Amino acid sequence: MRRKIFMVWACFMLIIGAALPLERACADTLPVLVIGSDEFEPYNYVGADGTRQGVDVELATEALRRMGYTAEFRDIVWENKDDYLEDGTVDCLWGSFSMNGREDNYTWAGPYLCSRQVVVTRVDSGIASLADLEGKRIAVQATGKAEGVLIHGNDPRIPEVAAVYCFSTMDEVYASLRKNYVDAIAGHENALKAMMNDAPESFVMLPEALYVSQLGVAFRKGTHEELAAELAQTLDEMRADGTIAQILQKYGLDVNTALGVE
């Protein structure tokens, strides 16, 4: 009889554990936090050895380790990111995601980094400043911050462009410039720098920033408030103890710029 009761209790605990993916099911297993992101070097990408690497990958792995979780990155189509959150495919979005203008759309942890939105063009394009973008064709990643700034922004420094082409991935954005389909591309500074490394003699980055974004980790609105607060606190601790600076330096990012230090 005692054995039957034990077996029933064990089955009950397994059912409870399976129903609560963000809770600890047993003492030897860490709960998994599923993170939605797309390939976005140097924040999240697959290295030459086949492992996932990048600033956000290492930040997430270390922060969640301190909190007692395991980070699992899942590749998503970035423009459909809200659908993945809504249907529970991912628990959060963590991929150089700008909080600005979206503060009320998600439950946020952050900001944990800053990122300049910049413009890259070909060296022979004749574009030397933001003013020179007037009447030009610009490519961006769909639903990214650069898209909103160029289409809906009211910054007097940014003139009216001829067209803004929105692509699903940054690889498509890069290709549009390499193949002369557009006059310039816009996006996160460090991501565009990584692209320029392939042919530094062919491209130039404008010195003026389109925008300065604050980056955060986004959970579905109205959910995971306590988890987001704990994650924000953990990231603050990693900033204070120098962990974030070490990760930024490892990937060649300017620490003061990325941390918003004047």
C-alpha atoms as a PDB file:
ATOM      1  CA  MET A   1       0.000   0.000   0.000  1.00  0.00           C
ATOM      2  CA  ARG A   2       2.838   2.377   0.903  1.00  0.00           C
ATOM      3  CA  ARG A   3       4.484   1.642  -2.445  1.00  0.00           C
ATOM      4  CA  LYS A   4       1.275   2.483  -4.335  1.00  0.00           C
ATOM      5  CA  ILE A   5       0.938   5.789  -2.463  1.00  0.00           C
ATOM      6  CA  PHE A   6       4.568   6.645  -3.263  1.00  0.00           C
ATOM      7  CA  MET A   7       4.058   5.903  -6.963  1.00  0.00           C
ATOM      8  CA  VAL A   8       0.922   8.057  -7.121  1.00  0.00           C
ATOM      9  CA  TRP A   9       2.744  10.902  -5.376  1.00  0.00           C
ATOM     10  CA  ALA A  10       5.721  10.603  -7.752  1.00  0.00           C
ATOM     11  CA  CYS A  11       3.450  10.752 -10.801  1.00  0.00           C
ATOM     12  CA  PHE A  12       1.672  13.777  -9.366  1.00  0.00           C
ATOM     13  CA  MET A  13       4.980  15.601  -8.907  1.00  0.00           C
ATOM     14  CA  LEU A  14       6.035  14.804 -12.478  1.00  0.00           C
ATOM     15  CA  ILE A  15       2.759  16.238 -13.802  1.00  0.00           C
ATOM     16  CA  ILE A  16       3.205  19.402 -11.734  1.00  0.00           C
ATOM     17  CA  GLY A  17       6.780  19.770 -12.938  1.00  0.00           C
ATOM     18  CA  ALA A  18       5.761  19.424 -16.581  1.00  0.00           C
ATOM     19  CA  ALA A  19       2.980  21.982 -16.206  1.00  0.00           C
ATOM     20  CA  LEU A  20       5.295  24.658 -14.814  1.00  0.00           C
ATOM     21  CA  PRO A  21       8.223  25.033 -17.255  1.00  0.00           C
ATOM     22  CA  LEU A  22       9.718  28.040 -15.451  1.00  0.00           C
ATOM     23  CA  GLU A  23       9.617  26.351 -12.040  1.00  0.00           C
ATOM     24  CA  ARG A  24      12.167  23.940 -10.583  1.00  0.00           C
ATOM     25  CA  ALA A  25      10.763  20.406 -11.097  1.00  0.00           C
ATOM     26  CA  CYS A  26      13.344  18.663  -8.932  1.00  0.00           C
ATOM     27  CA  ALA A  27      16.518  19.448  -7.055  1.00  0.00           C
ATOM     28  CA  ASP A  28      18.842  18.270  -9.839  1.00  0.00           C
ATOM     29  CA  THR A  29      17.190  20.062 -12.768  1.00  0.00           C
ATOM     30  CA  LEU A  30      17.338  23.759 -13.562  1.00  0.00           C
ATOM     31  CA  PRO A  31      14.299  25.298 -15.249  1.00  0.00           C
ATOM     32  CA  VAL A  32      14.855  26.441 -18.822  1.00  0.00           C
ATOM     33  CA  LEU A  33      14.111  29.957 -20.028  1.00  0.00           C
ATOM     34  CA  VAL A  34      13.497  29.906 -23.790  1.00  0.00           C
ATOM     35  CA  ILE A  35      14.863  33.055 -25.442  1.00  0.00           C
ATOM     36  CA  GLY A  36      13.723  34.195 -28.875  1.00  0.00           C
ATOM     37  CA  SER A  37      16.279  35.922 -31.092  1.00  0.00           C
ATOM     38  CA  ASP A  38      17.642  35.939 -34.608  1.00  0.00           C
ATOM     39  CA  GLU A  39      21.239  35.841 -35.829  1.00  0.00           C
ATOM     40  CA  PHE A  40      22.643  39.274 -35.155  1.00  0.00           C
ATOM     41  CA  GLU A  41      26.421  39.420 -34.848  1.00  0.00           C
ATOM     42  CA  PRO A  42      28.037  40.347 -32.467  1.00  0.00           C
ATOM     43  CA  TYR A  43      25.044  39.872 -30.131  1.00  0.00           C
ATOM     44  CA  ASN A  44      23.841  36.409 -31.168  1.00  0.00           C
ATOM     45  CA  TYR A  45      25.368  34.211 -33.860  1.00  0.00           C
ATOM     46  CA  VAL A  46      26.810  30.774 -34.567  1.00  0.00           C
ATOM     47  CA  GLY A  47      30.605  30.749 -34.488  1.00  0.00           C
ATOM     48  CA  ALA A  48      33.017  28.862 -36.712  1.00  0.00           C
ATOM     49  CA  ASP A  49      33.018  25.978 -34.237  1.00  0.00           C
ATOM     50  CA  GLY A  50      29.242  25.610 -34.516  1.00  0.00           C
ATOM     51  CA  THR A  51      28.451  26.990 -31.038  1.00  0.00           C
ATOM     52  CA  ARG A  52      26.158  29.906 -30.290  1.00  0.00           C
ATOM     53  CA  GLN A  53      28.138  32.990 -29.336  1.00  0.00           C
ATOM     54  CA  GLY A  54      27.733  36.714 -28.821  1.00  0.00           C
ATOM     55  CA  VAL A  55      27.254  39.466 -26.282  1.00  0.00           C
ATOM     56  CA  ASP A  56      23.606  38.699 -25.554  1.00  0.00           C
ATOM     57  CA  VAL A  57      24.257  34.956 -25.493  1.00  0.00           C
ATOM     58  CA  GLU A  58      26.919  35.308 -22.812  1.00  0.00           C
ATOM     59  CA  LEU A  59      24.968  37.908 -20.834  1.00  0.00           C
ATOM     60  CA  ALA A  60      21.865  35.713 -20.822  1.00  0.00           C
ATOM     61  CA  THR A  61      23.764  32.560 -19.949  1.00  0.00           C
ATOM     62  CA  GLU A  62      25.544  34.159 -16.993  1.00  0.00           C
ATOM     63  CA  ALA A  63      22.571  36.154 -15.688  1.00  0.00           C
ATOM     64  CA  LEU A  64      20.242  33.161 -15.761  1.00  0.00           C
ATOM     65  CA  ARG A  65      22.894  30.904 -14.224  1.00  0.00           C
ATOM     66  CA  ARG A  66      23.041  33.267 -11.253  1.00  0.00           C
ATOM     67  CA  MET A  67      19.254  33.118 -11.018  1.00  0.00           C
ATOM     68  CA  GLY A  68      19.110  29.313 -11.188  1.00  0.00           C
ATOM     69  CA  TYR A  69      17.937  28.965 -14.789  1.00  0.00           C
ATOM     70  CA  THR A  70      19.346  27.550 -18.006  1.00  0.00           C
ATOM     71  CA  ALA A  71      19.248  29.769 -21.104  1.00  0.00           C
ATOM     72  CA  GLU A  72      17.994  28.188 -24.323  1.00  0.00           C
ATOM     73  CA  PHE A  73      18.188  30.366 -27.429  1.00  0.00           C
ATOM     74  CA  ARG A  74      15.666  29.675 -30.173  1.00  0.00           C
ATOM     75  CA  ASP A  75      15.972  31.210 -33.646  1.00  0.00           C
ATOM     76  CA  ILE A  76      12.882  33.149 -34.702  1.00  0.00           C
ATOM     77  CA  VAL A  77      11.742  35.349 -37.567  1.00  0.00           C
ATOM     78  CA  TRP A  78      12.220  38.705 -35.865  1.00  0.00           C
ATOM     79  CA  GLU A  79       9.292  40.481 -37.497  1.00  0.00           C
ATOM     80  CA  ASN A  80       6.993  37.768 -36.034  1.00  0.00           C
ATOM     81  CA  LYS A  81       8.481  38.050 -32.550  1.00  0.00           C
ATOM     82  CA  ASP A  82       5.226  39.056 -30.857  1.00  0.00           C
ATOM     83  CA  ASP A  83       3.495  35.935 -32.176  1.00  0.00           C
ATOM     84  CA  TYR A  84       6.169  33.727 -30.575  1.00  0.00           C
ATOM     85  CA  LEU A  85       5.662  35.480 -27.241  1.00  0.00           C
ATOM     86  CA  GLU A  86       1.890  35.282 -27.482  1.00  0.00           C
ATOM     87  CA  ASP A  87       1.704  31.547 -28.223  1.00  0.00           C
ATOM     88  CA  GLY A  88       4.380  30.626 -25.681  1.00  0.00           C
ATOM     89  CA  THR A  89       6.973  29.414 -28.188  1.00  0.00           C
ATOM     90  CA  VAL A  90       9.480  31.620 -26.353  1.00  0.00           C
ATOM     91  CA  ASP A  91       9.470  33.083 -22.857  1.00  0.00           C
ATOM     92  CA  CYS A  92      11.200  36.334 -23.765  1.00  0.00           C
ATOM     93  CA  LEU A  93      12.933  38.287 -26.523  1.00  0.00           C
ATOM     94  CA  TRP A  94      16.619  38.951 -26.008  1.00  0.00           C
ATOM     95  CA  GLY A  95      18.460  40.191 -29.075  1.00  0.00           C
ATOM     96  CA  SER A  96      19.657  43.799 -29.060  1.00  0.00           C
ATOM     97  CA  PHE A  97      15.998  44.834 -28.666  1.00  0.00           C
ATOM     98  CA  SER A  98      15.332  48.573 -28.314  1.00  0.00           C
ATOM     99  CA  MET A  99      13.033  49.564 -25.469  1.00  0.00           C
ATOM    100  CA  ASN A 100      12.519  53.139 -26.683  1.00  0.00           C
ATOM    101  CA  GLY A 101       8.961  53.759 -27.807  1.00  0.00           C
ATOM    102  CA  ARG A 102       7.949  50.259 -26.748  1.00  0.00           C
ATOM    103  CA  GLU A 103       7.991  50.760 -22.983  1.00  0.00           C
ATOM    104  CA  ASP A 104       4.282  49.943 -22.620  1.00  0.00           C
ATOM    105  CA  ASN A 105       4.236  47.023 -25.050  1.00  0.00           C
ATOM    106  CA  TYR A 106       6.080  44.445 -22.942  1.00  0.00           C
ATOM    107  CA  THR A 107       7.174  43.534 -19.433  1.00  0.00           C
ATOM    108  CA  TRP A 108      10.797  44.670 -19.545  1.00  0.00           C
ATOM    109  CA  ALA A 109      14.040  43.805 -17.813  1.00  0.00           C
ATOM    110  CA  GLY A 110      16.441  46.644 -18.477  1.00  0.00           C
ATOM    111  CA  PRO A 111      17.866  48.681 -19.945  1.00  0.00           C
ATOM    112  CA  TYR A 112      21.109  46.751 -19.687  1.00  0.00           C
ATOM    113  CA  LEU A 113      22.991  48.274 -22.669  1.00  0.00           C
ATOM    114  CA  CYS A 114      22.820  51.203 -25.070  1.00  0.00           C
ATOM    115  CA  SER A 115      23.225  51.013 -28.838  1.00  0.00           C
ATOM    116  CA  ARG A 116      23.638  53.685 -31.493  1.00  0.00           C
ATOM    117  CA  GLN A 117      21.496  53.357 -34.608  1.00  0.00           C
ATOM    118  CA  VAL A 118      23.732  54.359 -37.514  1.00  0.00           C
ATOM    119  CA  VAL A 119      23.956  54.457 -41.311  1.00  0.00           C
ATOM    120  CA  VAL A 120      26.455  52.593 -43.499  1.00  0.00           C
ATOM    121  CA  THR A 121      26.983  53.295 -47.178  1.00  0.00           C
ATOM    122  CA  ARG A 122      29.491  52.545 -49.924  1.00  0.00           C
ATOM    123  CA  VAL A 123      32.652  54.647 -49.969  1.00  0.00           C
ATOM    124  CA  ASP A 124      31.803  55.963 -53.454  1.00  0.00           C
ATOM    125  CA  SER A 125      28.141  56.813 -52.711  1.00  0.00           C
ATOM    126  CA  GLY A 126      28.688  60.522 -52.103  1.00  0.00           C
ATOM    127  CA  ILE A 127      26.806  60.225 -48.799  1.00  0.00           C
ATOM    128  CA  ALA A 128      28.825  61.850 -46.025  1.00  0.00           C
ATOM    129  CA  SER A 129      26.156  62.980 -43.544  1.00  0.00           C
ATOM    130  CA  LEU A 130      22.558  62.334 -42.574  1.00  0.00           C
ATOM    131  CA  ALA A 131      21.520  65.328 -44.702  1.00  0.00           C
ATOM    132  CA  ASP A 132      22.864  63.512 -47.775  1.00  0.00           C
ATOM    133  CA  LEU A 133      20.243  60.779 -47.317  1.00  0.00           C
ATOM    134  CA  GLU A 134      17.614  62.996 -48.923  1.00  0.00           C
ATOM    135  CA  GLY A 135      16.045  61.171 -51.852  1.00  0.00           C
ATOM    136  CA  LYS A 136      18.073  58.026 -51.216  1.00  0.00           C
ATOM    137  CA  ARG A 137      17.032  54.371 -50.840  1.00  0.00           C
ATOM    138  CA  ILE A 138      17.659  52.875 -47.388  1.00  0.00           C
ATOM    139  CA  ALA A 139      17.423  49.243 -46.271  1.00  0.00           C
ATOM    140  CA  VAL A 140      16.623  48.183 -42.686  1.00  0.00           C
ATOM    141  CA  GLN A 141      15.454  45.116 -40.785  1.00  0.00           C
ATOM    142  CA  ALA A 142      11.666  44.899 -40.570  1.00  0.00           C
ATOM    143  CA  THR A 143      10.174  46.123 -37.256  1.00  0.00           C
ATOM    144  CA  GLY A 144      13.602  47.312 -36.094  1.00  0.00           C
ATOM    145  CA  LYS A 145      14.194  50.697 -34.509  1.00  0.00           C
ATOM    146  CA  ALA A 146      15.851  52.140 -37.624  1.00  0.00           C
ATOM    147  CA  GLU A 147      12.668  51.475 -39.596  1.00  0.00           C
ATOM    148  CA  GLY A 148      10.585  53.510 -37.157  1.00  0.00           C
ATOM    149  CA  VAL A 149      13.092  56.360 -37.048  1.00  0.00           C
ATOM    150  CA  LEU A 150      13.255  56.685 -40.830  1.00  0.00           C
ATOM    151  CA  ILE A 151       9.545  56.230 -41.564  1.00  0.00           C
ATOM    152  CA  HIS A 152       7.787  57.705 -38.537  1.00  0.00           C
ATOM    153  CA  GLY A 153      10.439  59.840 -36.865  1.00  0.00           C
ATOM    154  CA  ASN A 154      10.352  63.607 -36.581  1.00  0.00           C
ATOM    155  CA  ASP A 155      14.059  64.307 -36.147  1.00  0.00           C
ATOM    156  CA  PRO A 156      14.831  67.476 -38.168  1.00  0.00           C
ATOM    157  CA  ARG A 157      18.334  66.132 -38.868  1.00  0.00           C
ATOM    158  CA  ILE A 158      16.905  63.288 -40.951  1.00  0.00           C
ATOM    159  CA  PRO A 159      15.601  64.325 -44.397  1.00  0.00           C
ATOM    160  CA  GLU A 160      12.903  62.639 -46.434  1.00  0.00           C
ATOM    161  CA  VAL A 161      14.292  59.561 -48.163  1.00  0.00           C
ATOM    162  CA  ALA A 162      13.055  58.093 -51.439  1.00  0.00           C
ATOM    163  CA  ALA A 163      12.242  54.672 -49.998  1.00  0.00           C
ATOM    164  CA  VAL A 164      12.800  52.451 -46.965  1.00  0.00           C
ATOM    165  CA  TYR A 165      13.102  48.766 -47.819  1.00  0.00           C
ATOM    166  CA  CYS A 166      12.406  46.380 -44.932  1.00  0.00           C
ATOM    167  CA  PHE A 167      13.952  42.904 -44.897  1.00  0.00           C
ATOM    168  CA  SER A 168      13.382  39.978 -42.545  1.00  0.00           C
ATOM    169  CA  THR A 169      17.055  39.409 -41.707  1.00  0.00           C
ATOM    170  CA  MET A 170      20.195  41.512 -41.435  1.00  0.00           C
ATOM    171  CA  ASP A 171      21.878  39.233 -43.981  1.00  0.00           C
ATOM    172  CA  GLU A 172      19.325  40.423 -46.532  1.00  0.00           C
ATOM    173  CA  VAL A 173      19.941  44.027 -45.482  1.00  0.00           C
ATOM    174  CA  TYR A 174      23.694  43.596 -45.993  1.00  0.00           C
ATOM    175  CA  ALA A 175      23.184  41.929 -49.365  1.00  0.00           C
ATOM    176  CA  SER A 176      21.018  44.794 -50.614  1.00  0.00           C
ATOM    177  CA  LEU A 177      23.919  47.208 -50.088  1.00  0.00           C
ATOM    178  CA  ARG A 178      26.600  44.902 -51.469  1.00  0.00           C
ATOM    179  CA  LYS A 179      24.560  44.398 -54.667  1.00  0.00           C
ATOM    180  CA  ASN A 180      23.808  48.135 -55.046  1.00  0.00           C
ATOM    181  CA  TYR A 181      20.053  47.686 -54.656  1.00  0.00           C
ATOM    182  CA  VAL A 182      20.046  50.509 -52.090  1.00  0.00           C
ATOM    183  CA  ASP A 183      22.187  53.551 -51.352  1.00  0.00           C
ATOM    184  CA  ALA A 184      22.633  52.892 -47.634  1.00  0.00           C
ATOM    185  CA  ILE A 185      21.561  50.669 -44.758  1.00  0.00           C
ATOM    186  CA  ALA A 186      20.719  51.496 -41.144  1.00  0.00           C
ATOM    187  CA  GLY A 187      20.739  49.557 -37.889  1.00  0.00           C
ATOM    188  CA  HIS A 188      22.627  48.858 -34.670  1.00  0.00           C
ATOM    189  CA  GLU A 189      26.175  50.199 -34.838  1.00  0.00           C
ATOM    190  CA  ASN A 190      27.965  47.071 -33.649  1.00  0.00           C
ATOM    191  CA  ALA A 191      25.997  44.785 -35.961  1.00  0.00           C
ATOM    192  CA  LEU A 192      26.874  46.982 -38.941  1.00  0.00           C
ATOM    193  CA  LYS A 193      30.525  47.096 -37.861  1.00  0.00           C
ATOM    194  CA  ALA A 194      30.600  43.298 -37.960  1.00  0.00           C
ATOM    195  CA  MET A 195      29.297  43.429 -41.532  1.00  0.00           C
ATOM    196  CA  MET A 196      31.889  46.034 -42.531  1.00  0.00           C
ATOM    197  CA  ASN A 197      34.703  43.790 -41.309  1.00  0.00           C
ATOM    198  CA  ASP A 198      34.170  41.596 -44.386  1.00  0.00           C
ATOM    199  CA  ALA A 199      35.154  44.460 -46.719  1.00  0.00           C
ATOM    200  CA  PRO A 200      36.305  47.511 -44.715  1.00  0.00           C
ATOM    201  CA  GLU A 201      37.655  49.235 -47.824  1.00  0.00           C
ATOM    202  CA  SER A 202      34.215  49.176 -49.479  1.00  0.00           C
ATOM    203  CA  PHE A 203      31.968  50.728 -46.825  1.00  0.00           C
ATOM    204  CA  VAL A 204      31.876  53.759 -44.560  1.00  0.00           C
ATOM    205  CA  MET A 205      29.810  54.478 -41.431  1.00  0.00           C
ATOM    206  CA  LEU A 206      28.388  57.981 -41.013  1.00  0.00           C
ATOM    207  CA  PRO A 207      29.640  59.653 -37.812  1.00  0.00           C
ATOM    208  CA  GLU A 208      26.196  60.962 -36.788  1.00  0.00           C
ATOM    209  CA  ALA A 209      23.854  58.561 -35.041  1.00  0.00           C
ATOM    210  CA  LEU A 210      20.273  58.230 -36.238  1.00  0.00           C
ATOM    211  CA  TYR A 211      19.207  57.406 -32.702  1.00  0.00           C
ATOM    212  CA  VAL A 212      20.531  56.026 -29.413  1.00  0.00           C
ATOM    213  CA  SER A 213      18.572  53.012 -28.186  1.00  0.00           C
ATOM    214  CA  GLN A 214      18.296  51.460 -24.748  1.00  0.00           C
ATOM    215  CA  LEU A 215      18.306  47.677 -24.958  1.00  0.00           C
ATOM    216  CA  GLY A 216      16.148  45.422 -22.813  1.00  0.00           C
ATOM    217  CA  VAL A 217      14.774  41.903 -22.421  1.00  0.00           C
ATOM    218  CA  ALA A 218      11.078  41.705 -23.317  1.00  0.00           C
ATOM    219  CA  PHE A 219       8.466  39.382 -21.791  1.00  0.00           C
ATOM    220  CA  ARG A 220       4.819  39.299 -22.850  1.00  0.00           C
ATOM    221  CA  LYS A 221       2.928  42.247 -21.409  1.00  0.00           C
ATOM    222  CA  GLY A 222       1.405  41.487 -18.027  1.00  0.00           C
ATOM    223  CA  THR A 223       3.446  38.329 -17.415  1.00  0.00           C
ATOM    224  CA  HIS A 224       6.623  37.398 -15.527  1.00  0.00           C
ATOM    225  CA  GLU A 225       6.845  40.685 -13.608  1.00  0.00           C
ATOM    226  CA  GLU A 226       8.797  39.130 -10.732  1.00  0.00           C
ATOM    227  CA  LEU A 227      11.125  37.251 -13.056  1.00  0.00           C
ATOM    228  CA  ALA A 228      11.785  40.406 -15.097  1.00  0.00           C
ATOM    229  CA  ALA A 229      12.522  42.382 -11.933  1.00  0.00           C
ATOM    230  CA  GLU A 230      14.945  39.718 -10.703  1.00  0.00           C
ATOM    231  CA  LEU A 231      16.647  39.629 -14.109  1.00  0.00           C
ATOM    232  CA  ALA A 232      17.000  43.420 -14.150  1.00  0.00           C
ATOM    233  CA  GLN A 233      18.582  43.316 -10.688  1.00  0.00           C
ATOM    234  CA  THR A 234      20.962  40.540 -11.755  1.00  0.00           C
ATOM    235  CA  LEU A 235      22.049  42.497 -14.833  1.00  0.00           C
ATOM    236  CA  ASP A 236      22.647  45.547 -12.633  1.00  0.00           C
ATOM    237  CA  GLU A 237      24.853  43.395 -10.393  1.00  0.00           C
ATOM    238  CA  MET A 238      26.772  42.141 -13.431  1.00  0.00           C
ATOM    239  CA  ARG A 239      27.328  45.719 -14.520  1.00  0.00           C
ATOM    240  CA  ALA A 240      28.573  46.679 -11.050  1.00  0.00           C
ATOM    241  CA  ASP A 241      30.978  43.725 -10.708  1.00  0.00           C
ATOM    242  CA  GLY A 242      32.497  44.236 -14.164  1.00  0.00           C
ATOM    243  CA  THR A 243      31.068  41.116 -15.817  1.00  0.00           C
ATOM    244  CA  ILE A 244      29.240  43.045 -18.546  1.00  0.00           C
ATOM    245  CA  ALA A 245      32.335  45.121 -19.315  1.00  0.00           C
ATOM    246  CA  GLN A 246      34.430  41.953 -19.688  1.00  0.00           C
ATOM    247  CA  ILE A 247      31.932  40.449 -22.144  1.00  0.00           C
ATOM    248  CA  LEU A 248      31.759  43.676 -24.161  1.00  0.00           C
ATOM    249  CA  GLN A 249      35.556  43.831 -24.399  1.00  0.00           C
ATOM    250  CA  LYS A 250      35.707  40.200 -25.507  1.00  0.00           C
ATOM    251  CA  TYR A 251      33.603  41.049 -28.565  1.00  0.00           C
ATOM    252  CA  GLY A 252      35.370  44.336 -29.316  1.00  0.00           C
ATOM    253  CA  LEU A 253      32.597  46.725 -28.247  1.00  0.00           C
ATOM    254  CA  ASP A 254      33.342  50.123 -26.750  1.00  0.00           C
ATOM    255  CA  VAL A 255      32.467  49.659 -23.078  1.00  0.00           C
ATOM    256  CA  ASN A 256      31.621  53.289 -22.283  1.00  0.00           C
ATOM    257  CA  THR A 257      29.376  53.668 -25.331  1.00  0.00           C
ATOM    258  CA  ALA A 258      27.586  50.363 -24.726  1.00  0.00           C
ATOM    259  CA  LEU A 259      27.025  51.164 -21.038  1.00  0.00           C
ATOM    260  CA  GLY A 260      25.921  54.738 -21.765  1.00  0.00           C
ATOM    261  CA  VAL A 261      28.833  56.279 -19.888  1.00  0.00           C
ATOM    262  CA  GLU A 262      29.661  59.801 -21.015  1.00  0.00           C
END
